[in-house]
Protein backbone atom coordinates (compact mmCIF):
# COMPACT_ATOMS: atom_id res chain seq x y z
CA MET A 1 12.19 -45.03 -6.84
CA THR A 2 12.63 -48.29 -5.04
CA GLU A 3 11.48 -51.59 -6.37
CA ASN A 4 8.09 -51.29 -4.62
CA GLY A 5 7.18 -47.90 -6.08
CA LYS A 6 8.05 -45.78 -3.04
CA LYS A 7 10.39 -42.85 -3.33
CA SER A 8 13.67 -42.90 -1.30
CA ALA A 9 14.32 -40.49 1.48
CA SER A 10 16.90 -38.57 -0.65
CA ALA A 11 14.38 -38.45 -3.73
CA MET A 12 11.68 -37.08 -1.21
CA ALA A 13 14.09 -34.54 0.11
CA LEU A 14 14.99 -33.30 -3.33
CA ASP A 15 11.35 -33.07 -4.20
CA ALA A 16 10.64 -31.11 -1.08
CA LEU A 17 13.66 -28.70 -1.93
CA ASP A 18 12.26 -28.17 -5.48
CA ARG A 19 8.84 -27.37 -3.99
CA ILE A 20 10.38 -25.04 -1.43
CA ALA A 21 12.36 -23.17 -4.07
CA HIS A 22 9.36 -22.83 -6.20
CA HIS A 23 7.37 -21.47 -3.29
CA GLU A 24 10.03 -19.04 -2.37
CA ALA A 25 10.23 -17.73 -5.99
CA GLU A 26 6.41 -17.19 -5.98
CA CYS A 27 6.49 -15.45 -2.50
CA GLY A 28 9.37 -13.24 -3.74
CA LYS A 29 7.31 -12.20 -6.75
CA ARG A 30 4.22 -11.51 -4.63
CA TRP A 31 6.27 -9.58 -2.03
CA ALA A 32 7.84 -7.43 -4.96
CA GLU A 33 4.11 -6.73 -6.32
CA ALA A 34 2.81 -6.02 -2.79
CA THR A 35 5.56 -3.59 -1.92
CA SER A 36 5.25 -1.81 -5.34
CA GLU A 37 1.53 -1.42 -4.65
CA LEU A 38 2.04 -0.08 -1.33
CA LYS A 39 4.46 2.49 -2.60
CA HIS A 40 2.05 3.65 -5.31
CA LEU A 41 -0.71 3.71 -2.68
CA SER A 42 1.54 5.74 -0.41
CA GLU A 43 2.14 8.27 -3.14
CA GLN A 44 -1.59 8.50 -3.98
CA VAL A 45 -2.58 9.06 -0.37
CA ALA A 46 -0.01 11.90 -0.13
CA ALA A 47 -1.20 13.59 -3.14
CA HIS A 48 -4.80 13.23 -2.00
CA GLY A 49 -3.93 14.63 1.31
CA LYS A 50 -2.26 17.78 -0.32
CA ARG A 51 -5.54 18.37 -2.26
CA TRP A 52 -7.65 18.10 0.80
CA GLU A 53 -5.30 20.40 2.78
CA ARG A 54 -5.48 22.94 0.02
CA LEU A 55 -9.35 22.77 0.17
CA ALA A 56 -9.27 23.15 3.92
CA TRP A 57 -7.08 26.20 3.78
CA LEU A 58 -9.37 27.66 1.21
CA LEU A 59 -12.51 26.94 3.40
CA VAL A 60 -10.70 28.57 6.43
CA ALA A 61 -9.64 31.61 4.54
CA SER A 62 -13.18 31.98 3.29
CA LEU A 63 -14.74 31.60 6.67
CA VAL A 64 -12.38 34.23 8.01
CA ALA A 65 -13.18 36.60 5.39
CA VAL A 66 -17.00 36.11 5.87
CA ALA A 67 -16.66 36.55 9.74
CA THR A 68 -14.51 39.58 9.27
CA ALA A 69 -17.20 41.05 6.85
CA ILE A 70 -20.00 40.36 9.12
CA PHE A 71 -18.08 41.84 12.26
CA SER A 72 -17.24 44.94 10.34
CA ARG A 73 -20.75 45.43 9.34
CA THR A 74 -21.99 44.85 12.89
CA LEU A 75 -19.49 47.48 14.17
CA SER A 76 -20.52 50.19 11.73
């Protein structure tokens, strides 16, 4: 500090660099957390999609079976 209580330009620059470094560290942590969460969500969506696809095939197969049964009764 100078004699009138103000910081010198180099001291302010060093403080700014320290704040920037702290900010970059925090952003890096948040980015890692966000990336991890997105990967986890992607895995959950894929698993959820597989379950719904299985259910859709079951529904389609059931409807085809019912339609075939109705059609065969209608013909006989």
